[in-house]
């Protein structure tokens, strides 16, 4: 669907080139250009802010990136959160006696997947297949944590994060919109901050946000995170920019009626995700 290509760690929000210095950039891109031609591939995607001098056609796509510094004490981190949107929602969740659980058990994964399907349907985007998340748990083990907030026996919000050295990376979040007023999502992020801080983590990587997703950007701002720009680069051997642009990760939007997605059952949604995400990671 999107053509053969190289991607710097598919499905990662950012991945800097593993090079020793600026002089290695040219050698890296030259080798990639040769591989593209030999294997008949269309382009290479860099999920990072890279600048290469090359004769290849280059197109870019920009995102918003948030990183929360966890070195201040917990009191300061809480005060840095937005008073109404975060602090009051956390206290509301506590008053509602939301049940908090964390781990990577089959039950927690099941709760996460159900909420994830609800969220993706709400956004009219197909979810990744369930095996994607099972493989993440298998590969990352104790470095991966699923957090779930429930009202009684009803899960209302969930997150999935991965730890690498002194950084925790927030990868996925989901919720039941009918219970947003309970404050489940702010509670889970605060638990993520608390527990990460207690484990000696110094940074919470909140990942990228589409520039048009103002709600998500505002939410991350209100957690007290630092905001910066993240620009992906695509280098192609094709010479027609319009052709290259059509090969982007948003290609499915032109080939699938997104309005249909909000009405499909979970199994159908995950089937579509299984078929699509190998092409747009």
C-alpha atoms as a PDB file:
ATOM      1  CA  UNK A   1       0.000   0.000   0.000  1.00  0.00           C
ATOM      2  CA  UNK A   2       2.775   2.425   0.907  1.00  0.00           C
ATOM      3  CA  UNK A   3       5.496   0.788  -1.143  1.00  0.00           C
ATOM      4  CA  UNK A   4       8.733  -0.834  -0.002  1.00  0.00           C
ATOM      5  CA  UNK A   5      10.737   1.384   2.348  1.00  0.00           C
ATOM      6  CA  UNK A   6      13.197   1.585   5.217  1.00  0.00           C
ATOM      7  CA  UNK A   7      11.985   3.064   8.529  1.00  0.00           C
ATOM      8  CA  UNK A   8      14.187   3.986  11.503  1.00  0.00           C
ATOM      9  CA  UNK A   9      12.583   1.697  14.092  1.00  0.00           C
ATOM     10  CA  UNK A  10       8.959   1.383  12.899  1.00  0.00           C
ATOM     11  CA  UNK A  11       6.227   2.578  15.295  1.00  0.00           C
ATOM     12  CA  UNK A  12       8.741   4.611  17.331  1.00  0.00           C
ATOM     13  CA  UNK A  13       8.010   8.286  17.982  1.00  0.00           C
ATOM     14  CA  UNK A  14      11.654   9.235  17.598  1.00  0.00           C
ATOM     15  CA  UNK A  15      14.911   7.441  16.884  1.00  0.00           C
ATOM     16  CA  UNK A  16      18.166   9.302  16.314  1.00  0.00           C
ATOM     17  CA  UNK A  17      20.719   7.790  13.897  1.00  0.00           C
ATOM     18  CA  UNK A  18      23.389   5.696  15.631  1.00  0.00           C
ATOM     19  CA  UNK A  19      26.403   7.582  14.321  1.00  0.00           C
ATOM     20  CA  UNK A  20      29.587   8.825  15.972  1.00  0.00           C
ATOM     21  CA  UNK A  21      29.626  12.269  14.383  1.00  0.00           C
ATOM     22  CA  UNK A  22      28.401  14.526  11.560  1.00  0.00           C
ATOM     23  CA  UNK A  23      30.903  13.009   9.115  1.00  0.00           C
ATOM     24  CA  UNK A  24      29.037   9.680   9.323  1.00  0.00           C
ATOM     25  CA  UNK A  25      25.780  11.160   8.030  1.00  0.00           C
ATOM     26  CA  UNK A  26      26.874  11.224   4.411  1.00  0.00           C
ATOM     27  CA  UNK A  27      28.186   7.674   4.556  1.00  0.00           C
ATOM     28  CA  UNK A  28      24.971   6.437   6.145  1.00  0.00           C
ATOM     29  CA  UNK A  29      22.685   8.061   3.605  1.00  0.00           C
ATOM     30  CA  UNK A  30      24.907   7.001   0.691  1.00  0.00           C
ATOM     31  CA  UNK A  31      24.679   3.386   1.851  1.00  0.00           C
ATOM     32  CA  UNK A  32      20.925   3.655   2.265  1.00  0.00           C
ATOM     33  CA  UNK A  33      20.553   5.181  -1.198  1.00  0.00           C
ATOM     34  CA  UNK A  34      22.470   2.250  -2.665  1.00  0.00           C
ATOM     35  CA  UNK A  35      20.279  -0.229  -0.779  1.00  0.00           C
ATOM     36  CA  UNK A  36      17.116   1.527  -1.948  1.00  0.00           C
ATOM     37  CA  UNK A  37      18.185   1.175  -5.564  1.00  0.00           C
ATOM     38  CA  UNK A  38      19.386  -2.420  -5.249  1.00  0.00           C
ATOM     39  CA  UNK A  39      16.252  -3.618  -3.477  1.00  0.00           C
ATOM     40  CA  UNK A  40      13.827  -1.533  -5.540  1.00  0.00           C
ATOM     41  CA  UNK A  41      12.501   0.364  -2.516  1.00  0.00           C
ATOM     42  CA  UNK A  42      10.917   3.807  -2.683  1.00  0.00           C
ATOM     43  CA  UNK A  43      12.204   5.774   0.289  1.00  0.00           C
ATOM     44  CA  UNK A  44      13.715   5.836   3.773  1.00  0.00           C
ATOM     45  CA  UNK A  45      12.015   7.466   6.768  1.00  0.00           C
ATOM     46  CA  UNK A  46      13.926   8.999   9.681  1.00  0.00           C
ATOM     47  CA  UNK A  47      11.868   9.444  12.847  1.00  0.00           C
ATOM     48  CA  UNK A  48      14.137  12.186  14.141  1.00  0.00           C
ATOM     49  CA  UNK A  49      15.327  15.743  13.638  1.00  0.00           C
ATOM     50  CA  UNK A  50      18.072  14.958  11.111  1.00  0.00           C
ATOM     51  CA  UNK A  51      19.726  17.148   8.512  1.00  0.00           C
ATOM     52  CA  UNK A  52      21.467  15.381   5.654  1.00  0.00           C
ATOM     53  CA  UNK A  53      23.137  16.872   2.613  1.00  0.00           C
ATOM     54  CA  UNK A  54      21.947  14.708  -0.283  1.00  0.00           C
ATOM     55  CA  UNK A  55      20.704  14.766  -3.847  1.00  0.00           C
ATOM     56  CA  UNK A  56      17.733  12.610  -2.853  1.00  0.00           C
ATOM     57  CA  UNK A  57      14.314  14.213  -2.757  1.00  0.00           C
ATOM     58  CA  UNK A  58      13.415  15.183   0.831  1.00  0.00           C
ATOM     59  CA  UNK A  59       9.981  15.741   2.297  1.00  0.00           C
ATOM     60  CA  UNK A  60       9.142  16.411   5.946  1.00  0.00           C
ATOM     61  CA  UNK A  61       6.326  16.093   8.437  1.00  0.00           C
ATOM     62  CA  UNK A  62       6.358  17.909  11.772  1.00  0.00           C
ATOM     63  CA  UNK A  63       4.922  16.937  15.147  1.00  0.00           C
ATOM     64  CA  UNK A  64       4.820  18.308  18.670  1.00  0.00           C
ATOM     65  CA  UNK A  65       6.993  16.492  21.232  1.00  0.00           C
ATOM     66  CA  UNK A  66       6.678  16.602  25.032  1.00  0.00           C
ATOM     67  CA  UNK A  67       9.212  15.586  27.682  1.00  0.00           C
ATOM     68  CA  UNK A  68       8.553  15.865  31.420  1.00  0.00           C
ATOM     69  CA  UNK A  69      11.558  16.388  33.706  1.00  0.00           C
ATOM     70  CA  UNK A  70      11.078  14.186  36.779  1.00  0.00           C
ATOM     71  CA  UNK A  71      14.070  15.499  38.737  1.00  0.00           C
ATOM     72  CA  UNK A  72      12.047  18.018  40.836  1.00  0.00           C
ATOM     73  CA  UNK A  73      10.353  16.655  43.982  1.00  0.00           C
ATOM     74  CA  UNK A  74       6.821  15.272  43.810  1.00  0.00           C
ATOM     75  CA  UNK A  75       5.289  18.341  45.427  1.00  0.00           C
ATOM     76  CA  UNK A  76       6.777  20.570  42.731  1.00  0.00           C
ATOM     77  CA  UNK A  77       5.738  18.172  39.965  1.00  0.00           C
ATOM     78  CA  UNK A  78       2.159  18.222  41.260  1.00  0.00           C
ATOM     79  CA  UNK A  79       2.132  22.011  41.522  1.00  0.00           C
ATOM     80  CA  UNK A  80       3.400  22.235  37.943  1.00  0.00           C
ATOM     81  CA  UNK A  81       0.274  20.408  36.771  1.00  0.00           C
ATOM     82  CA  UNK A  82      -2.678  22.539  35.675  1.00  0.00           C
ATOM     83  CA  UNK A  83      -4.818  23.305  38.712  1.00  0.00           C
ATOM     84  CA  UNK A  84      -8.233  22.699  37.147  1.00  0.00           C
ATOM     85  CA  UNK A  85      -7.556  20.189  34.376  1.00  0.00           C
ATOM     86  CA  UNK A  86      -5.107  17.921  36.225  1.00  0.00           C
ATOM     87  CA  UNK A  87      -4.923  18.564  39.976  1.00  0.00           C
ATOM     88  CA  UNK A  88      -8.680  18.749  40.535  1.00  0.00           C
ATOM     89  CA  UNK A  89      -9.282  15.716  38.281  1.00  0.00           C
ATOM     90  CA  UNK A  90      -6.797  13.658  40.324  1.00  0.00           C
ATOM     91  CA  UNK A  91      -8.562  14.628  43.539  1.00  0.00           C
ATOM     92  CA  UNK A  92     -11.917  13.838  41.923  1.00  0.00           C
ATOM     93  CA  UNK A  93     -10.650  10.355  41.003  1.00  0.00           C
ATOM     94  CA  UNK A  94      -9.589   9.813  44.595  1.00  0.00           C
ATOM     95  CA  UNK A  95     -12.998  10.947  45.902  1.00  0.00           C
ATOM     96  CA  UNK A  96     -14.694   8.589  43.442  1.00  0.00           C
ATOM     97  CA  UNK A  97     -12.609   5.748  44.913  1.00  0.00           C
ATOM     98  CA  UNK A  98     -11.328   4.681  41.518  1.00  0.00           C
ATOM     99  CA  UNK A  99      -9.454   1.397  41.767  1.00  0.00           C
ATOM    100  CA  UNK A 100      -5.890   1.590  40.448  1.00  0.00           C
ATOM    101  CA  UNK A 101      -3.981  -1.460  39.195  1.00  0.00           C
ATOM    102  CA  UNK A 102      -0.711  -1.890  37.331  1.00  0.00           C
ATOM    103  CA  UNK A 103       1.206  -4.760  35.787  1.00  0.00           C
ATOM    104  CA  UNK A 104       1.082  -6.800  32.594  1.00  0.00           C
ATOM    105  CA  UNK A 105      -1.348  -9.622  33.375  1.00  0.00           C
ATOM    106  CA  UNK A 106      -3.761 -11.072  30.833  1.00  0.00           C
ATOM    107  CA  UNK A 107      -6.651  -9.414  32.660  1.00  0.00           C
ATOM    108  CA  UNK A 108      -5.064  -5.970  32.562  1.00  0.00           C
ATOM    109  CA  UNK A 109      -4.200  -6.431  28.890  1.00  0.00           C
ATOM    110  CA  UNK A 110      -7.801  -7.436  28.185  1.00  0.00           C
ATOM    111  CA  UNK A 111      -9.080  -4.294  29.940  1.00  0.00           C
ATOM    112  CA  UNK A 112      -6.561  -2.181  28.031  1.00  0.00           C
ATOM    113  CA  UNK A 113      -7.504  -3.675  24.648  1.00  0.00           C
ATOM    114  CA  UNK A 114     -11.213  -3.085  25.213  1.00  0.00           C
ATOM    115  CA  UNK A 115     -10.655   0.564  26.142  1.00  0.00           C
ATOM    116  CA  UNK A 116      -8.163   0.949  23.295  1.00  0.00           C
ATOM    117  CA  UNK A 117     -10.711  -0.279  20.758  1.00  0.00           C
ATOM    118  CA  UNK A 118     -13.261   2.187  22.168  1.00  0.00           C
ATOM    119  CA  UNK A 119     -10.803   5.061  21.858  1.00  0.00           C
ATOM    120  CA  UNK A 120      -9.653   4.228  18.352  1.00  0.00           C
ATOM    121  CA  UNK A 121     -13.269   3.872  17.219  1.00  0.00           C
ATOM    122  CA  UNK A 122     -14.007   7.266  18.752  1.00  0.00           C
ATOM    123  CA  UNK A 123     -11.119   8.748  16.765  1.00  0.00           C
ATOM    124  CA  UNK A 124     -12.108   6.729  13.681  1.00  0.00           C
ATOM    125  CA  UNK A 125      -8.718   5.052  13.463  1.00  0.00           C
ATOM    126  CA  UNK A 126      -8.174   1.269  13.368  1.00  0.00           C
ATOM    127  CA  UNK A 127      -6.258  -0.133  16.369  1.00  0.00           C
ATOM    128  CA  UNK A 128      -3.099  -2.166  16.193  1.00  0.00           C
ATOM    129  CA  UNK A 129      -3.801  -5.915  16.391  1.00  0.00           C
ATOM    130  CA  UNK A 130      -3.898  -7.538  19.818  1.00  0.00           C
ATOM    131  CA  UNK A 131      -0.784  -9.584  19.022  1.00  0.00           C
ATOM    132  CA  UNK A 132       1.163  -6.336  18.689  1.00  0.00           C
ATOM    133  CA  UNK A 133       0.599  -5.634  22.390  1.00  0.00           C
ATOM    134  CA  UNK A 134       1.172  -9.254  23.411  1.00  0.00           C
ATOM    135  CA  UNK A 135       4.506  -9.159  21.626  1.00  0.00           C
ATOM    136  CA  UNK A 136       5.409  -5.908  23.389  1.00  0.00           C
ATOM    137  CA  UNK A 137       4.798  -7.593  26.751  1.00  0.00           C
ATOM    138  CA  UNK A 138       6.790 -10.658  25.690  1.00  0.00           C
ATOM    139  CA  UNK A 139       9.733  -8.584  24.458  1.00  0.00           C
ATOM    140  CA  UNK A 140       9.889  -5.884  27.141  1.00  0.00           C
ATOM    141  CA  UNK A 141       8.815  -7.913  30.168  1.00  0.00           C
ATOM    142  CA  UNK A 142       9.047  -5.973  33.415  1.00  0.00           C
ATOM    143  CA  UNK A 143      10.081  -2.818  31.541  1.00  0.00           C
ATOM    144  CA  UNK A 144       6.481  -2.529  30.302  1.00  0.00           C
ATOM    145  CA  UNK A 145       3.617  -1.440  32.537  1.00  0.00           C
ATOM    146  CA  UNK A 146      -0.118  -1.362  31.916  1.00  0.00           C
ATOM    147  CA  UNK A 147      -2.040   0.910  34.276  1.00  0.00           C
ATOM    148  CA  UNK A 148      -5.814   0.679  34.625  1.00  0.00           C
ATOM    149  CA  UNK A 149      -8.280   2.828  36.590  1.00  0.00           C
ATOM    150  CA  UNK A 150     -11.696   1.309  37.289  1.00  0.00           C
ATOM    151  CA  UNK A 151     -14.958   2.382  38.851  1.00  0.00           C
ATOM    152  CA  UNK A 152     -16.009  -0.712  40.708  1.00  0.00           C
ATOM    153  CA  UNK A 153     -15.480  -3.517  38.194  1.00  0.00           C
ATOM    154  CA  UNK A 154     -15.748  -1.169  35.183  1.00  0.00           C
ATOM    155  CA  UNK A 155     -12.393  -0.096  33.641  1.00  0.00           C
ATOM    156  CA  UNK A 156     -12.583   3.600  32.698  1.00  0.00           C
ATOM    157  CA  UNK A 157      -9.030   4.475  31.591  1.00  0.00           C
ATOM    158  CA  UNK A 158      -5.744   2.733  30.814  1.00  0.00           C
ATOM    159  CA  UNK A 159      -2.173   3.523  29.754  1.00  0.00           C
ATOM    160  CA  UNK A 160       0.803   1.520  28.509  1.00  0.00           C
ATOM    161  CA  UNK A 161       4.366   2.687  29.132  1.00  0.00           C
ATOM    162  CA  UNK A 162       7.855   1.276  28.617  1.00  0.00           C
ATOM    163  CA  UNK A 163      10.989   2.012  30.629  1.00  0.00           C
ATOM    164  CA  UNK A 164      14.438   2.332  29.070  1.00  0.00           C
ATOM    165  CA  UNK A 165      17.296   3.179  31.428  1.00  0.00           C
ATOM    166  CA  UNK A 166      16.364   6.451  33.187  1.00  0.00           C
ATOM    167  CA  UNK A 167      13.390   7.277  30.936  1.00  0.00           C
ATOM    168  CA  UNK A 168       9.806   6.047  30.927  1.00  0.00           C
ATOM    169  CA  UNK A 169       8.114   6.293  27.544  1.00  0.00           C
ATOM    170  CA  UNK A 170       4.355   6.754  27.458  1.00  0.00           C
ATOM    171  CA  UNK A 171       3.203   4.824  24.386  1.00  0.00           C
ATOM    172  CA  UNK A 172      -0.569   4.344  24.508  1.00  0.00           C
ATOM    173  CA  UNK A 173      -3.509   5.792  26.386  1.00  0.00           C
ATOM    174  CA  UNK A 174      -7.223   5.001  26.156  1.00  0.00           C
ATOM    175  CA  UNK A 175     -10.457   5.612  28.000  1.00  0.00           C
ATOM    176  CA  UNK A 176     -14.218   5.225  28.086  1.00  0.00           C
ATOM    177  CA  UNK A 177     -15.611   8.657  27.171  1.00  0.00           C
ATOM    178  CA  UNK A 178     -18.721   8.034  29.276  1.00  0.00           C
ATOM    179  CA  UNK A 179     -16.565   8.239  32.415  1.00  0.00           C
ATOM    180  CA  UNK A 180     -14.180  11.081  31.577  1.00  0.00           C
ATOM    181  CA  UNK A 181     -15.661  13.156  34.385  1.00  0.00           C
ATOM    182  CA  UNK A 182     -14.253  10.700  36.962  1.00  0.00           C
ATOM    183  CA  UNK A 183     -10.655  11.783  36.323  1.00  0.00           C
ATOM    184  CA  UNK A 184      -9.281   8.340  35.471  1.00  0.00           C
ATOM    185  CA  UNK A 185      -6.769   9.509  32.865  1.00  0.00           C
ATOM    186  CA  UNK A 186      -5.165  12.291  34.981  1.00  0.00           C
ATOM    187  CA  UNK A 187      -4.971   9.809  37.878  1.00  0.00           C
ATOM    188  CA  UNK A 188      -3.082   7.279  35.732  1.00  0.00           C
ATOM    189  CA  UNK A 189      -0.594   9.858  34.542  1.00  0.00           C
ATOM    190  CA  UNK A 190       0.017  10.997  38.089  1.00  0.00           C
ATOM    191  CA  UNK A 191       0.571   7.375  39.157  1.00  0.00           C
ATOM    192  CA  UNK A 192       3.003   7.023  36.252  1.00  0.00           C
ATOM    193  CA  UNK A 193       4.861  10.111  37.471  1.00  0.00           C
ATOM    194  CA  UNK A 194       4.861   8.972  41.115  1.00  0.00           C
ATOM    195  CA  UNK A 195       6.044   5.450  40.422  1.00  0.00           C
ATOM    196  CA  UNK A 196       8.630   6.499  37.842  1.00  0.00           C
ATOM    197  CA  UNK A 197      10.024   9.078  40.253  1.00  0.00           C
ATOM    198  CA  UNK A 198      10.172   6.429  42.989  1.00  0.00           C
ATOM    199  CA  UNK A 199      12.099   4.077  40.671  1.00  0.00           C
ATOM    200  CA  UNK A 200      14.771   6.680  39.989  1.00  0.00           C
ATOM    201  CA  UNK A 201      13.534   7.647  36.528  1.00  0.00           C
ATOM    202  CA  UNK A 202      14.529  11.191  35.542  1.00  0.00           C
ATOM    203  CA  UNK A 203      12.343  11.807  32.475  1.00  0.00           C
ATOM    204  CA  UNK A 204       8.882  10.925  31.213  1.00  0.00           C
ATOM    205  CA  UNK A 205       8.756  10.833  27.422  1.00  0.00           C
ATOM    206  CA  UNK A 206       5.177  11.733  26.459  1.00  0.00           C
ATOM    207  CA  UNK A 207       5.815  11.143  22.769  1.00  0.00           C
ATOM    208  CA  UNK A 208       4.679  12.958  19.686  1.00  0.00           C
ATOM    209  CA  UNK A 209       1.346  14.608  18.945  1.00  0.00           C
ATOM    210  CA  UNK A 210      -0.079  15.557  15.569  1.00  0.00           C
ATOM    211  CA  UNK A 211      -0.032  19.344  15.238  1.00  0.00           C
ATOM    212  CA  UNK A 212      -3.757  19.368  14.525  1.00  0.00           C
ATOM    213  CA  UNK A 213      -4.506  17.428  17.740  1.00  0.00           C
ATOM    214  CA  UNK A 214      -4.790  20.498  19.940  1.00  0.00           C
ATOM    215  CA  UNK A 215      -6.575  18.639  22.720  1.00  0.00           C
ATOM    216  CA  UNK A 216      -3.756  16.136  23.229  1.00  0.00           C
ATOM    217  CA  UNK A 217      -1.101  18.859  23.029  1.00  0.00           C
ATOM    218  CA  UNK A 218      -2.951  20.920  25.633  1.00  0.00           C
ATOM    219  CA  UNK A 219      -3.276  17.906  27.956  1.00  0.00           C
ATOM    220  CA  UNK A 220       0.476  17.256  27.817  1.00  0.00           C
ATOM    221  CA  UNK A 221       1.177  20.953  28.338  1.00  0.00           C
ATOM    222  CA  UNK A 222      -0.954  20.861  31.455  1.00  0.00           C
ATOM    223  CA  UNK A 223       1.091  17.998  32.897  1.00  0.00           C
ATOM    224  CA  UNK A 224       3.964  20.484  33.060  1.00  0.00           C
ATOM    225  CA  UNK A 225       5.964  18.920  30.236  1.00  0.00           C
ATOM    226  CA  UNK A 226       8.407  20.798  28.032  1.00  0.00           C
ATOM    227  CA  UNK A 227       7.261  21.153  24.417  1.00  0.00           C
ATOM    228  CA  UNK A 228       9.458  21.075  21.324  1.00  0.00           C
ATOM    229  CA  UNK A 229       9.239  20.332  17.619  1.00  0.00           C
ATOM    230  CA  UNK A 230       9.906  16.917  16.081  1.00  0.00           C
ATOM    231  CA  UNK A 231      10.325  16.739  12.298  1.00  0.00           C
ATOM    232  CA  UNK A 232      10.462  13.465  10.382  1.00  0.00           C
ATOM    233  CA  UNK A 233      12.406  13.326   7.123  1.00  0.00           C
ATOM    234  CA  UNK A 234      11.719  11.137   4.109  1.00  0.00           C
ATOM    235  CA  UNK A 235      14.458  10.689   1.514  1.00  0.00           C
ATOM    236  CA  UNK A 236      13.336   9.206  -1.789  1.00  0.00           C
ATOM    237  CA  UNK A 237      14.861   8.174  -5.074  1.00  0.00           C
ATOM    238  CA  UNK A 238      11.702   9.264  -6.863  1.00  0.00           C
ATOM    239  CA  UNK A 239      11.766  12.660  -8.534  1.00  0.00           C
ATOM    240  CA  UNK A 240       8.110  13.617  -8.366  1.00  0.00           C
ATOM    241  CA  UNK A 241       7.263  15.155  -4.977  1.00  0.00           C
ATOM    242  CA  UNK A 242       3.533  14.546  -5.447  1.00  0.00           C
ATOM    243  CA  UNK A 243       4.175  10.836  -5.912  1.00  0.00           C
ATOM    244  CA  UNK A 244       6.356  10.641  -2.817  1.00  0.00           C
ATOM    245  CA  UNK A 245       3.833  12.498  -0.667  1.00  0.00           C
ATOM    246  CA  UNK A 246       1.134   9.992  -1.562  1.00  0.00           C
ATOM    247  CA  UNK A 247       3.200   7.284   0.114  1.00  0.00           C
ATOM    248  CA  UNK A 248       2.804   8.767   3.598  1.00  0.00           C
ATOM    249  CA  UNK A 249       1.483   7.102   6.727  1.00  0.00           C
ATOM    250  CA  UNK A 250      -1.878   8.818   6.267  1.00  0.00           C
ATOM    251  CA  UNK A 251      -2.552   7.018   2.967  1.00  0.00           C
ATOM    252  CA  UNK A 252      -5.290   4.833   4.447  1.00  0.00           C
ATOM    253  CA  UNK A 253      -7.398   7.937   5.105  1.00  0.00           C
ATOM    254  CA  UNK A 254      -7.947   8.307   1.374  1.00  0.00           C
ATOM    255  CA  UNK A 255      -8.777   4.629   0.893  1.00  0.00           C
ATOM    256  CA  UNK A 256     -10.990   3.866   3.842  1.00  0.00           C
ATOM    257  CA  UNK A 257     -14.213   5.566   4.873  1.00  0.00           C
ATOM    258  CA  UNK A 258     -13.343   6.594   8.418  1.00  0.00           C
ATOM    259  CA  UNK A 259     -16.995   7.028   9.298  1.00  0.00           C
ATOM    260  CA  UNK A 260     -17.473   3.282   8.908  1.00  0.00           C
ATOM    261  CA  UNK A 261     -14.920   2.602  11.642  1.00  0.00           C
ATOM    262  CA  UNK A 262     -17.068   4.077  14.395  1.00  0.00           C
ATOM    263  CA  UNK A 263     -19.731   1.416  13.789  1.00  0.00           C
ATOM    264  CA  UNK A 264     -17.664  -1.744  13.335  1.00  0.00           C
ATOM    265  CA  UNK A 265     -17.380  -4.430  16.052  1.00  0.00           C
ATOM    266  CA  UNK A 266     -14.049  -4.835  17.844  1.00  0.00           C
ATOM    267  CA  UNK A 267     -13.022  -7.921  15.869  1.00  0.00           C
ATOM    268  CA  UNK A 268     -13.519  -6.118  12.566  1.00  0.00           C
ATOM    269  CA  UNK A 269     -11.577  -3.093  13.830  1.00  0.00           C
ATOM    270  CA  UNK A 270      -8.629  -5.237  14.883  1.00  0.00           C
ATOM    271  CA  UNK A 271      -8.719  -7.085  11.562  1.00  0.00           C
ATOM    272  CA  UNK A 272      -8.444  -3.783   9.696  1.00  0.00           C
ATOM    273  CA  UNK A 273      -5.600  -2.757  11.998  1.00  0.00           C
ATOM    274  CA  UNK A 274      -3.833  -6.058  11.317  1.00  0.00           C
ATOM    275  CA  UNK A 275      -4.076  -5.469   7.580  1.00  0.00           C
ATOM    276  CA  UNK A 276      -3.075  -1.794   7.653  1.00  0.00           C
ATOM    277  CA  UNK A 277      -0.409  -1.250  10.304  1.00  0.00           C
ATOM    278  CA  UNK A 278       2.296  -3.243   8.579  1.00  0.00           C
ATOM    279  CA  UNK A 279       2.097  -0.553   5.890  1.00  0.00           C
ATOM    280  CA  UNK A 280       2.047   2.629   7.987  1.00  0.00           C
ATOM    281  CA  UNK A 281       4.297   1.960  10.996  1.00  0.00           C
END
